[in-house]
Amino acid sequence: MSKRDELITKYAADLKEKCGVNPDMDFLTKVTVGCGPSIYNKDSSTVSGSDEKELATVKNNFLIKKLGLKDSADLDKAIDSVMETYGRSNKNKYRAVVYYLLAKHFKKEAVYK
């Protein structure tokens, strides 16, 4: 099993156990591949739910640039909702899982087709 496959398995477990979501494995794989090499770096593979700068990066680089959404209060609400779903007390929030949940929330799966 490749390192990426191991990470995808870990992300799927997080979605099931911490978020209560039964993951679409094909879509999770596409989101993970879309994260590029950041998934292999300890710091960039996770998202700090309490760091405003980090959350602004998720909003600007993922929601606006990648998914093509317009900047609005809905984006902040969605990020907040995902952080709540993932568990605010959960220290390690994997970037691929956060992106997966956000893409599903906005029904933007087609971006990864």
PDB file of N, CA and C in Angstrom:
ATOM      1  N   MET A   1       0.856  -1.181   0.000  1.00  0.00           N
ATOM      2  CA  MET A   1       0.000   0.000   0.000  1.00  0.00           C
ATOM      3  C   MET A   1       0.900   1.242   0.000  1.00  0.00           C
ATOM      4  N   SER A   2       0.596   2.169  -0.883  1.00  0.00           N
ATOM      5  CA  SER A   2       1.398   3.396  -0.972  1.00  0.00           C
ATOM      6  C   SER A   2       1.103   4.310   0.215  1.00  0.00           C
ATOM      7  N   LYS A   3       1.990   5.266   0.430  1.00  0.00           N
ATOM      8  CA  LYS A   3       1.807   6.233   1.513  1.00  0.00           C
ATOM      9  C   LYS A   3       0.488   6.998   1.321  1.00  0.00           C
ATOM     10  N   ARG A   4       0.197   7.379   0.058  1.00  0.00           N
ATOM     11  CA  ARG A   4      -1.042   8.100  -0.215  1.00  0.00           C
ATOM     12  C   ARG A   4      -2.254   7.233   0.115  1.00  0.00           C
ATOM     13  N   ASP A   5      -2.224   5.955  -0.243  1.00  0.00           N
ATOM     14  CA  ASP A   5      -3.342   5.056   0.076  1.00  0.00           C
ATOM     15  C   ASP A   5      -3.532   4.924   1.584  1.00  0.00           C
ATOM     16  N   GLU A   6      -2.412   4.879   2.319  1.00  0.00           N
ATOM     17  CA  GLU A   6      -2.501   4.805   3.785  1.00  0.00           C
ATOM     18  C   GLU A   6      -3.178   6.062   4.337  1.00  0.00           C
ATOM     19  N   LEU A   7      -2.813   7.227   3.792  1.00  0.00           N
ATOM     20  CA  LEU A   7      -3.410   8.474   4.245  1.00  0.00           C
ATOM     21  C   LEU A   7      -4.897   8.529   3.913  1.00  0.00           C
ATOM     22  N   ILE A   8      -5.269   8.079   2.724  1.00  0.00           N
ATOM     23  CA  ILE A   8      -6.687   8.067   2.329  1.00  0.00           C
ATOM     24  C   ILE A   8      -7.483   7.184   3.293  1.00  0.00           C
ATOM     25  N   THR A   9      -6.919   6.048   3.674  1.00  0.00           N
ATOM     26  CA  THR A   9      -7.568   5.155   4.637  1.00  0.00           C
ATOM     27  C   THR A   9      -7.741   5.866   5.984  1.00  0.00           C
ATOM     28  N   LYS A  10      -6.711   6.607   6.398  1.00  0.00           N
ATOM     29  CA  LYS A  10      -6.768   7.361   7.656  1.00  0.00           C
ATOM     30  C   LYS A  10      -7.838   8.454   7.567  1.00  0.00           C
ATOM     31  N   TYR A  11      -7.909   9.145   6.434  1.00  0.00           N
ATOM     32  CA  TYR A  11      -8.905  10.201   6.246  1.00  0.00           C
ATOM     33  C   TYR A  11     -10.322   9.619   6.272  1.00  0.00           C
ATOM     34  N   ALA A  12     -10.501   8.465   5.628  1.00  0.00           N
ATOM     35  CA  ALA A  12     -11.822   7.813   5.612  1.00  0.00           C
ATOM     36  C   ALA A  12     -12.243   7.446   7.032  1.00  0.00           C
ATOM     37  N   ALA A  13     -11.298   6.968   7.837  1.00  0.00           N
ATOM     38  CA  ALA A  13     -11.598   6.617   9.230  1.00  0.00           C
ATOM     39  C   ALA A  13     -12.008   7.861  10.014  1.00  0.00           C
ATOM     40  N   ASP A  14     -11.317   8.983   9.780  1.00  0.00           N
ATOM     41  CA  ASP A  14     -11.684  10.233  10.450  1.00  0.00           C
ATOM     42  C   ASP A  14     -13.098  10.667  10.062  1.00  0.00           C
ATOM     43  N   LEU A  15     -13.410  10.567   8.777  1.00  0.00           N
ATOM     44  CA  LEU A  15     -14.751  10.953   8.321  1.00  0.00           C
ATOM     45  C   LEU A  15     -15.819  10.113   9.012  1.00  0.00           C
ATOM     46  N   LYS A  16     -15.582   8.805   9.131  1.00  0.00           N
ATOM     47  CA  LYS A  16     -16.559   7.912   9.760  1.00  0.00           C
ATOM     48  C   LYS A  16     -16.643   8.145  11.258  1.00  0.00           C
ATOM     49  N   GLU A  17     -15.481   8.109  11.929  1.00  0.00           N
ATOM     50  CA  GLU A  17     -15.459   8.125  13.393  1.00  0.00           C
ATOM     51  C   GLU A  17     -15.664   9.512  13.998  1.00  0.00           C
ATOM     52  N   LYS A  18     -15.060  10.529  13.423  1.00  0.00           N
ATOM     53  CA  LYS A  18     -15.108  11.858  14.033  1.00  0.00           C
ATOM     54  C   LYS A  18     -16.192  12.754  13.444  1.00  0.00           C
ATOM     55  N   CYS A  19     -16.576  12.487  12.190  1.00  0.00           N
ATOM     56  CA  CYS A  19     -17.554  13.363  11.529  1.00  0.00           C
ATOM     57  C   CYS A  19     -18.895  12.686  11.295  1.00  0.00           C
ATOM     58  N   GLY A  20     -18.960  11.383  11.495  1.00  0.00           N
ATOM     59  CA  GLY A  20     -20.210  10.666  11.279  1.00  0.00           C
ATOM     60  C   GLY A  20     -20.629  10.619   9.819  1.00  0.00           C
ATOM     61  N   VAL A  21     -19.646  10.637   8.921  1.00  0.00           N
ATOM     62  CA  VAL A  21     -19.910  10.652   7.483  1.00  0.00           C
ATOM     63  C   VAL A  21     -19.392   9.361   6.858  1.00  0.00           C
ATOM     64  N   ASN A  22     -20.222   8.740   6.028  1.00  0.00           N
ATOM     65  CA  ASN A  22     -19.767   7.567   5.289  1.00  0.00           C
ATOM     66  C   ASN A  22     -19.150   8.092   3.984  1.00  0.00           C
ATOM     67  N   PRO A  23     -17.807   8.040   3.854  1.00  0.00           N
ATOM     68  CA  PRO A  23     -17.156   8.721   2.726  1.00  0.00           C
ATOM     69  C   PRO A  23     -17.346   8.051   1.371  1.00  0.00           C
ATOM     70  N   ASP A  24     -17.415   8.894   0.365  1.00  0.00           N
ATOM     71  CA  ASP A  24     -17.368   8.473  -1.034  1.00  0.00           C
ATOM     72  C   ASP A  24     -15.876   8.335  -1.341  1.00  0.00           C
ATOM     73  N   MET A  25     -15.398   7.092  -1.404  1.00  0.00           N
ATOM     74  CA  MET A  25     -13.956   6.853  -1.507  1.00  0.00           C
ATOM     75  C   MET A  25     -13.348   7.407  -2.795  1.00  0.00           C
ATOM     76  N   ASP A  26     -14.070   7.341  -3.898  1.00  0.00           N
ATOM     77  CA  ASP A  26     -13.540   7.903  -5.149  1.00  0.00           C
ATOM     78  C   ASP A  26     -13.348   9.408  -5.009  1.00  0.00           C
ATOM     79  N   PHE A  27     -14.334  10.069  -4.432  1.00  0.00           N
ATOM     80  CA  PHE A  27     -14.247  11.517  -4.259  1.00  0.00           C
ATOM     81  C   PHE A  27     -13.162  11.879  -3.248  1.00  0.00           C
ATOM     82  N   LEU A  28     -13.068  11.131  -2.157  1.00  0.00           N
ATOM     83  CA  LEU A  28     -12.029  11.374  -1.158  1.00  0.00           C
ATOM     84  C   LEU A  28     -10.642  11.234  -1.785  1.00  0.00           C
ATOM     85  N   THR A  29     -10.480  10.256  -2.648  1.00  0.00           N
ATOM     86  CA  THR A  29      -9.202  10.063  -3.340  1.00  0.00           C
ATOM     87  C   THR A  29      -8.881  11.269  -4.221  1.00  0.00           C
ATOM     88  N   LYS A  30      -9.868  11.769  -4.942  1.00  0.00           N
ATOM     89  CA  LYS A  30      -9.654  12.936  -5.816  1.00  0.00           C
ATOM     90  C   LYS A  30      -9.292  14.176  -5.005  1.00  0.00           C
ATOM     91  N   VAL A  31      -9.969  14.385  -3.884  1.00  0.00           N
ATOM     92  CA  VAL A  31      -9.662  15.540  -3.030  1.00  0.00           C
ATOM     93  C   VAL A  31      -8.244  15.407  -2.478  1.00  0.00           C
ATOM     94  N   THR A  32      -7.887  14.203  -2.049  1.00  0.00           N
ATOM     95  CA  THR A  32      -6.549  13.973  -1.491  1.00  0.00           C
ATOM     96  C   THR A  32      -5.471  14.233  -2.540  1.00  0.00           C
ATOM     97  N   VAL A  33      -5.672  13.723  -3.749  1.00  0.00           N
ATOM     98  CA  VAL A  33      -4.723  13.963  -4.839  1.00  0.00           C
ATOM     99  C   VAL A  33      -4.637  15.463  -5.123  1.00  0.00           C
ATOM    100  N   GLY A  34      -5.774  16.147  -5.069  1.00  0.00           N
ATOM    101  CA  GLY A  34      -5.825  17.585  -5.307  1.00  0.00           C
ATOM    102  C   GLY A  34      -5.060  18.401  -4.276  1.00  0.00           C
ATOM    103  N   CYS A  35      -4.855  17.840  -3.091  1.00  0.00           N
ATOM    104  CA  CYS A  35      -4.086  18.532  -2.053  1.00  0.00           C
ATOM    105  C   CYS A  35      -2.591  18.527  -2.371  1.00  0.00           C
ATOM    106  N   GLY A  36      -2.192  17.656  -3.283  1.00  0.00           N
ATOM    107  CA  GLY A  36      -0.788  17.609  -3.687  1.00  0.00           C
ATOM    108  C   GLY A  36       0.135  17.163  -2.560  1.00  0.00           C
ATOM    109  N   PRO A  37       1.375  17.636  -2.613  1.00  0.00           N
ATOM    110  CA  PRO A  37       2.371  17.181  -1.637  1.00  0.00           C
ATOM    111  C   PRO A  37       2.116  17.661  -0.206  1.00  0.00           C
ATOM    112  N   SER A  38       1.180  18.575  -0.014  1.00  0.00           N
ATOM    113  CA  SER A  38       0.918  19.085   1.344  1.00  0.00           C
ATOM    114  C   SER A  38       0.484  17.974   2.301  1.00  0.00           C
ATOM    115  N   ILE A  39      -0.089  16.896   1.779  1.00  0.00           N
ATOM    116  CA  ILE A  39      -0.568  15.815   2.661  1.00  0.00           C
ATOM    117  C   ILE A  39       0.578  15.066   3.345  1.00  0.00           C
ATOM    118  N   TYR A  40       1.794  15.200   2.811  1.00  0.00           N
ATOM    119  CA  TYR A  40       2.937  14.488   3.379  1.00  0.00           C
ATOM    120  C   TYR A  40       3.706  15.312   4.406  1.00  0.00           C
ATOM    121  N   ASN A  41       3.343  16.580   4.557  1.00  0.00           N
ATOM    122  CA  ASN A  41       4.028  17.472   5.488  1.00  0.00           C
ATOM    123  C   ASN A  41       3.177  17.595   6.754  1.00  0.00           C
ATOM    124  N   LYS A  42       3.800  17.351   7.910  1.00  0.00           N
ATOM    125  CA  LYS A  42       3.053  17.351   9.167  1.00  0.00           C
ATOM    126  C   LYS A  42       2.271  18.644   9.388  1.00  0.00           C
ATOM    127  N   ASP A  43       2.881  19.792   9.113  1.00  0.00           N
ATOM    128  CA  ASP A  43       2.214  21.074   9.357  1.00  0.00           C
ATOM    129  C   ASP A  43       1.130  21.361   8.318  1.00  0.00           C
ATOM    130  N   SER A  44       1.444  21.203   7.053  1.00  0.00           N
ATOM    131  CA  SER A  44       0.472  21.575   6.013  1.00  0.00           C
ATOM    132  C   SER A  44      -0.623  20.534   5.793  1.00  0.00           C
ATOM    133  N   SER A  45      -0.462  19.339   6.352  1.00  0.00           N
ATOM    134  CA  SER A  45      -1.484  18.301   6.162  1.00  0.00           C
ATOM    135  C   SER A  45      -2.692  18.500   7.070  1.00  0.00           C
ATOM    136  N   THR A  46      -2.553  19.415   8.044  1.00  0.00           N
ATOM    137  CA  THR A  46      -3.658  19.665   8.970  1.00  0.00           C
ATOM    138  C   THR A  46      -4.096  21.126   8.907  1.00  0.00           C
ATOM    139  N   VAL A  47      -5.300  21.374   9.407  1.00  0.00           N
ATOM    140  CA  VAL A  47      -5.866  22.719   9.464  1.00  0.00           C
ATOM    141  C   VAL A  47      -6.127  23.038  10.930  1.00  0.00           C
ATOM    142  N   SER A  48      -5.640  24.174  11.374  1.00  0.00           N
ATOM    143  CA  SER A  48      -5.906  24.617  12.738  1.00  0.00           C
ATOM    144  C   SER A  48      -7.246  25.346  12.754  1.00  0.00           C
ATOM    145  N   GLY A  49      -8.203  24.777  13.456  1.00  0.00           N
ATOM    146  CA  GLY A  49      -9.540  25.359  13.506  1.00  0.00           C
ATOM    147  C   GLY A  49      -9.628  26.644  14.310  1.00  0.00           C
ATOM    148  N   SER A  50      -8.574  26.954  15.072  1.00  0.00           N
ATOM    149  CA  SER A  50      -8.602  28.159  15.902  1.00  0.00           C
ATOM    150  C   SER A  50      -7.709  29.270  15.355  1.00  0.00           C
ATOM    151  N   ASP A  51      -7.005  29.007  14.267  1.00  0.00           N
ATOM    152  CA  ASP A  51      -6.094  30.000  13.680  1.00  0.00           C
ATOM    153  C   ASP A  51      -6.813  30.745  12.553  1.00  0.00           C
ATOM    154  N   GLU A  52      -7.151  32.006  12.819  1.00  0.00           N
ATOM    155  CA  GLU A  52      -7.902  32.797  11.831  1.00  0.00           C
ATOM    156  C   GLU A  52      -7.173  32.905  10.489  1.00  0.00           C
ATOM    157  N   LYS A  53      -5.856  33.014  10.539  1.00  0.00           N
ATOM    158  CA  LYS A  53      -5.051  33.126   9.313  1.00  0.00           C
ATOM    159  C   LYS A  53      -5.179  31.837   8.490  1.00  0.00           C
ATOM    160  N   GLU A  54      -5.129  30.707   9.178  1.00  0.00           N
ATOM    161  CA  GLU A  54      -5.251  29.405   8.519  1.00  0.00           C
ATOM    162  C   GLU A  54      -6.644  29.243   7.889  1.00  0.00           C
ATOM    163  N   LEU A  55      -7.667  29.650   8.619  1.00  0.00           N
ATOM    164  CA  LEU A  55      -9.033  29.536   8.106  1.00  0.00           C
ATOM    165  C   LEU A  55      -9.251  30.472   6.925  1.00  0.00           C
ATOM    166  N   ALA A  56      -8.584  31.636   6.937  1.00  0.00           N
ATOM    167  CA  ALA A  56      -8.667  32.561   5.799  1.00  0.00           C
ATOM    168  C   ALA A  56      -8.000  31.936   4.568  1.00  0.00           C
ATOM    169  N   THR A  57      -6.934  31.184   4.782  1.00  0.00           N
ATOM    170  CA  THR A  57      -6.255  30.491   3.681  1.00  0.00           C
ATOM    171  C   THR A  57      -7.172  29.432   3.073  1.00  0.00           C
ATOM    172  N   VAL A  58      -7.860  28.681   3.925  1.00  0.00           N
ATOM    173  CA  VAL A  58      -8.814  27.673   3.437  1.00  0.00           C
ATOM    174  C   VAL A  58      -9.889  28.368   2.601  1.00  0.00           C
ATOM    175  N   LYS A  59     -10.402  29.468   3.113  1.00  0.00           N
ATOM    176  CA  LYS A  59     -11.454  30.210   2.417  1.00  0.00           C
ATOM    177  C   LYS A  59     -10.966  30.734   1.063  1.00  0.00           C
ATOM    178  N   ASN A  60      -9.819  31.427   1.066  1.00  0.00           N
ATOM    179  CA  ASN A  60      -9.333  32.060  -0.161  1.00  0.00           C
ATOM    180  C   ASN A  60      -8.771  31.059  -1.176  1.00  0.00           C
ATOM    181  N   ASN A  61      -7.923  30.145  -0.715  1.00  0.00           N
ATOM    182  CA  ASN A  61      -7.257  29.240  -1.651  1.00  0.00           C
ATOM    183  C   ASN A  61      -8.116  28.057  -2.077  1.00  0.00           C
ATOM    184  N   PHE A  62      -8.971  27.598  -1.189  1.00  0.00           N
ATOM    185  CA  PHE A  62      -9.790  26.432  -1.553  1.00  0.00           C
ATOM    186  C   PHE A  62     -11.189  26.836  -2.018  1.00  0.00           C
ATOM    187  N   LEU A  63     -11.934  27.510  -1.165  1.00  0.00           N
ATOM    188  CA  LEU A  63     -13.330  27.807  -1.503  1.00  0.00           C
ATOM    189  C   LEU A  63     -13.455  28.790  -2.674  1.00  0.00           C
ATOM    190  N   ILE A  64     -12.651  29.842  -2.661  1.00  0.00           N
ATOM    191  CA  ILE A  64     -12.774  30.864  -3.699  1.00  0.00           C
ATOM    192  C   ILE A  64     -12.000  30.481  -4.963  1.00  0.00           C
ATOM    193  N   LYS A  65     -10.709  30.144  -4.805  1.00  0.00           N
ATOM    194  CA  LYS A  65      -9.888  29.844  -5.991  1.00  0.00           C
ATOM    195  C   LYS A  65     -10.186  28.468  -6.582  1.00  0.00           C
ATOM    196  N   LYS A  66     -10.197  27.424  -5.751  1.00  0.00           N
ATOM    197  CA  LYS A  66     -10.373  26.064  -6.261  1.00  0.00           C
ATOM    198  C   LYS A  66     -11.830  25.766  -6.636  1.00  0.00           C
ATOM    199  N   LEU A  67     -12.741  26.064  -5.722  1.00  0.00           N
ATOM    200  CA  LEU A  67     -14.150  25.730  -5.978  1.00  0.00           C
ATOM    201  C   LEU A  67     -14.889  26.811  -6.758  1.00  0.00           C
ATOM    202  N   GLY A  68     -14.300  27.997  -6.859  1.00  0.00           N
ATOM    203  CA  GLY A  68     -14.909  29.057  -7.658  1.00  0.00           C
ATOM    204  C   GLY A  68     -16.098  29.739  -7.004  1.00  0.00           C
ATOM    205  N   LEU A  69     -16.134  29.737  -5.677  1.00  0.00           N
ATOM    206  CA  LEU A  69     -17.244  30.359  -4.960  1.00  0.00           C
ATOM    207  C   LEU A  69     -16.980  31.857  -4.766  1.00  0.00           C
ATOM    208  N   LYS A  70     -18.046  32.616  -4.623  1.00  0.00           N
ATOM    209  CA  LYS A  70     -17.947  34.054  -4.361  1.00  0.00           C
ATOM    210  C   LYS A  70     -17.765  34.274  -2.859  1.00  0.00           C
ATOM    211  N   ASP A  71     -16.924  35.241  -2.513  1.00  0.00           N
ATOM    212  CA  ASP A  71     -16.684  35.554  -1.103  1.00  0.00           C
ATOM    213  C   ASP A  71     -17.985  36.048  -0.465  1.00  0.00           C
ATOM    214  N   SER A  72     -18.374  35.396   0.621  1.00  0.00           N
ATOM    215  CA  SER A  72     -19.590  35.791   1.342  1.00  0.00           C
ATOM    216  C   SER A  72     -19.544  35.222   2.753  1.00  0.00           C
ATOM    217  N   ALA A  73     -20.472  35.649   3.568  1.00  0.00           N
ATOM    218  CA  ALA A  73     -20.570  35.150   4.939  1.00  0.00           C
ATOM    219  C   ALA A  73     -20.871  33.646   4.953  1.00  0.00           C
ATOM    220  N   ASP A  74     -21.498  33.136   3.873  1.00  0.00           N
ATOM    221  CA  ASP A  74     -21.803  31.704   3.792  1.00  0.00           C
ATOM    222  C   ASP A  74     -20.535  30.857   3.839  1.00  0.00           C
ATOM    223  N   LEU A  75     -19.451  31.361   3.289  1.00  0.00           N
ATOM    224  CA  LEU A  75     -18.186  30.620   3.295  1.00  0.00           C
ATOM    225  C   LEU A  75     -17.677  30.472   4.725  1.00  0.00           C
ATOM    226  N   ASP A  76     -17.712  31.559   5.482  1.00  0.00           N
ATOM    227  CA  ASP A  76     -17.276  31.508   6.877  1.00  0.00           C
ATOM    228  C   ASP A  76     -18.167  30.580   7.700  1.00  0.00           C
ATOM    229  N   LYS A  77     -19.465  30.639   7.445  1.00  0.00           N
ATOM    230  CA  LYS A  77     -20.406  29.758   8.157  1.00  0.00           C
ATOM    231  C   LYS A  77     -20.115  28.295   7.846  1.00  0.00           C
ATOM    232  N   ALA A  78     -19.816  27.994   6.579  1.00  0.00           N
ATOM    233  CA  ALA A  78     -19.531  26.617   6.186  1.00  0.00           C
ATOM    234  C   ALA A  78     -18.249  26.115   6.849  1.00  0.00           C
ATOM    235  N   ILE A  79     -17.221  26.958   6.869  1.00  0.00           N
ATOM    236  CA  ILE A  79     -15.964  26.569   7.527  1.00  0.00           C
ATOM    237  C   ILE A  79     -16.224  26.310   9.007  1.00  0.00           C
ATOM    238  N   ASP A  80     -16.982  27.195   9.644  1.00  0.00           N
ATOM    239  CA  ASP A  80     -17.314  27.040  11.060  1.00  0.00           C
ATOM    240  C   ASP A  80     -18.095  25.739  11.292  1.00  0.00           C
ATOM    241  N   SER A  81     -19.025  25.452  10.408  1.00  0.00           N
ATOM    242  CA  SER A  81     -19.825  24.228  10.508  1.00  0.00           C
ATOM    243  C   SER A  81     -18.946  22.981  10.379  1.00  0.00           C
ATOM    244  N   VAL A  82     -17.998  23.008   9.438  1.00  0.00           N
ATOM    245  CA  VAL A  82     -17.095  21.868   9.249  1.00  0.00           C
ATOM    246  C   VAL A  82     -16.209  21.686  10.482  1.00  0.00           C
ATOM    247  N   MET A  83     -15.731  22.782  11.057  1.00  0.00           N
ATOM    248  CA  MET A  83     -14.899  22.688  12.264  1.00  0.00           C
ATOM    249  C   MET A  83     -15.715  22.090  13.416  1.00  0.00           C
ATOM    250  N   GLU A  84     -16.979  22.460  13.493  1.00  0.00           N
ATOM    251  CA  GLU A  84     -17.866  21.917  14.532  1.00  0.00           C
ATOM    252  C   GLU A  84     -18.100  20.422  14.294  1.00  0.00           C
ATOM    253  N   THR A  85     -18.378  20.053  13.042  1.00  0.00           N
ATOM    254  CA  THR A  85     -18.609  18.646  12.695  1.00  0.00           C
ATOM    255  C   THR A  85     -17.385  17.795  13.005  1.00  0.00           C
ATOM    256  N   TYR A  86     -16.214  18.315  12.648  1.00  0.00           N
ATOM    257  CA  TYR A  86     -14.959  17.577  12.847  1.00  0.00           C
ATOM    258  C   TYR A  86     -14.615  17.490  14.332  1.00  0.00           C
ATOM    259  N   GLY A  87     -15.113  18.435  15.112  1.00  0.00           N
ATOM    260  CA  GLY A  87     -14.857  18.448  16.551  1.00  0.00           C
ATOM    261  C   GLY A  87     -13.806  19.485  16.888  1.00  0.00           C
ATOM    262  N   ARG A  88     -14.240  20.561  17.520  1.00  0.00           N
ATOM    263  CA  ARG A  88     -13.295  21.642  17.853  1.00  0.00           C
ATOM    264  C   ARG A  88     -12.164  21.160  18.750  1.00  0.00           C
ATOM    265  N   SER A  89     -12.443  20.196  19.614  1.00  0.00           N
ATOM    266  CA  SER A  89     -11.410  19.706  20.530  1.00  0.00           C
ATOM    267  C   SER A  89     -10.454  18.729  19.844  1.00  0.00           C
ATOM    268  N   ASN A  90     -10.812  18.272  18.655  1.00  0.00           N
ATOM    269  CA  ASN A  90      -9.946  17.361  17.904  1.00  0.00           C
ATOM    270  C   ASN A  90      -8.746  18.145  17.386  1.00  0.00           C
ATOM    271  N   LYS A  91      -7.568  17.818  17.877  1.00  0.00           N
ATOM    272  CA  LYS A  91      -6.359  18.586  17.558  1.00  0.00           C
ATOM    273  C   LYS A  91      -5.954  18.453  16.089  1.00  0.00           C
ATOM    274  N   ASN A  92      -6.019  17.246  15.544  1.00  0.00           N
ATOM    275  CA  ASN A  92      -5.589  17.014  14.159  1.00  0.00           C
ATOM    276  C   ASN A  92      -6.777  16.975  13.210  1.00  0.00           C
ATOM    277  N   LYS A  93      -6.974  18.072  12.511  1.00  0.00           N
ATOM    278  CA  LYS A  93      -8.018  18.124  11.483  1.00  0.00           C
ATOM    279  C   LYS A  93      -7.301  18.063  10.140  1.00  0.00           C
ATOM    280  N   TYR A  94      -7.413  16.925   9.490  1.00  0.00           N
ATOM    281  CA  TYR A  94      -6.695  16.751   8.225  1.00  0.00           C
ATOM    282  C   TYR A  94      -7.274  17.630   7.125  1.00  0.00           C
ATOM    283  N   ARG A  95      -6.371  18.278   6.396  1.00  0.00           N
ATOM    284  CA  ARG A  95      -6.758  19.196   5.325  1.00  0.00           C
ATOM    285  C   ARG A  95      -7.652  18.497   4.303  1.00  0.00           C
ATOM    286  N   ALA A  96      -7.306  17.284   3.902  1.00  0.00           N
ATOM    287  CA  ALA A  96      -8.099  16.567   2.898  1.00  0.00           C
ATOM    288  C   ALA A  96      -9.523  16.317   3.392  1.00  0.00           C
ATOM    289  N   VAL A  97      -9.673  16.034   4.689  1.00  0.00           N
ATOM    290  CA  VAL A  97     -11.006  15.799   5.261  1.00  0.00           C
ATOM    291  C   VAL A  97     -11.805  17.104   5.287  1.00  0.00           C
ATOM    292  N   VAL A  98     -11.158  18.194   5.697  1.00  0.00           N
ATOM    293  CA  VAL A  98     -11.823  19.503   5.726  1.00  0.00           C
ATOM    294  C   VAL A  98     -12.264  19.882   4.312  1.00  0.00           C
ATOM    295  N   TYR A  99     -11.380  19.717   3.337  1.00  0.00           N
ATOM    296  CA  TYR A  99     -11.718  20.052   1.948  1.00  0.00           C
ATOM    297  C   TYR A  99     -12.841  19.159   1.419  1.00  0.00           C
ATOM    298  N   TYR A 100     -12.794  17.886   1.772  1.00  0.00           N
ATOM    299  CA  TYR A 100     -13.849  16.945   1.359  1.00  0.00           C
ATOM    300  C   TYR A 100     -15.204  17.431   1.883  1.00  0.00           C
ATOM    301  N   LEU A 101     -15.257  17.749   3.184  1.00  0.00           N
ATOM    302  CA  LEU A 101     -16.514  18.188   3.794  1.00  0.00           C
ATOM    303  C   LEU A 101     -17.015  19.497   3.188  1.00  0.00           C
ATOM    304  N   LEU A 102     -16.094  20.418   2.919  1.00  0.00           N
ATOM    305  CA  LEU A 102     -16.493  21.694   2.323  1.00  0.00           C
ATOM    306  C   LEU A 102     -16.993  21.513   0.891  1.00  0.00           C
ATOM    307  N   ALA A 103     -16.309  20.698   0.115  1.00  0.00           N
ATOM    308  CA  ALA A 103     -16.741  20.461  -1.271  1.00  0.00           C
ATOM    309  C   ALA A 103     -18.115  19.797  -1.294  1.00  0.00           C
ATOM    310  N   LYS A 104     -18.342  18.858  -0.387  1.00  0.00           N
ATOM    311  CA  LYS A 104     -19.657  18.210  -0.289  1.00  0.00           C
ATOM    312  C   LYS A 104     -20.725  19.217   0.149  1.00  0.00           C
ATOM    313  N   HIS A 105     -20.382  20.059   1.116  1.00  0.00           N
ATOM    314  CA  HIS A 105     -21.322  21.060   1.626  1.00  0.00           C
ATOM    315  C   HIS A 105     -21.821  21.967   0.496  1.00  0.00           C
ATOM    316  N   PHE A 106     -20.908  22.399  -0.351  1.00  0.00           N
ATOM    317  CA  PHE A 106     -21.272  23.306  -1.442  1.00  0.00           C
ATOM    318  C   PHE A 106     -21.649  22.568  -2.734  1.00  0.00           C
ATOM    319  N   LYS A 107     -21.711  21.229  -2.654  1.00  0.00           N
ATOM    320  CA  LYS A 107     -22.080  20.396  -3.818  1.00  0.00           C
ATOM    321  C   LYS A 107     -21.192  20.717  -5.025  1.00  0.00           C
ATOM    322  N   LYS A 108     -19.883  20.752  -4.764  1.00  0.00           N
ATOM    323  CA  LYS A 108     -18.916  21.093  -5.798  1.00  0.00           C
ATOM    324  C   LYS A 108     -18.061  19.885  -6.207  1.00  0.00           C
ATOM    325  N   GLU A 109     -18.625  18.694  -6.113  1.00  0.00           N
ATOM    326  CA  GLU A 109     -17.885  17.490  -6.470  1.00  0.00           C
ATOM    327  C   GLU A 109     -17.412  17.540  -7.925  1.00  0.00           C
ATOM    328  N   ALA A 110     -18.171  18.221  -8.781  1.00  0.00           N
ATOM    329  CA  ALA A 110     -17.844  18.276 -10.213  1.00  0.00           C
ATOM    330  C   ALA A 110     -16.485  18.942 -10.469  1.00  0.00           C
ATOM    331  N   VAL A 111     -16.006  19.756  -9.528  1.00  0.00           N
ATOM    332  CA  VAL A 111     -14.691  20.394  -9.687  1.00  0.00           C
ATOM    333  C   VAL A 111     -13.600  19.326  -9.815  1.00  0.00           C
ATOM    334  N   TYR A 112     -13.824  18.175  -9.214  1.00  0.00           N
ATOM    335  CA  TYR A 112     -12.818  17.108  -9.191  1.00  0.00           C
ATOM    336  C   TYR A 112     -13.036  16.033 -10.256  1.00  0.00           C
ATOM    337  N   LYS A 113     -13.980  16.209 -11.160  1.00  0.00           N
ATOM    338  CA  LYS A 113     -14.262  15.172 -12.167  1.00  0.00           C
ATOM    339  C   LYS A 113     -13.205  15.160 -13.250  1.00  0.00           C
TER     340      LYS A 113
END
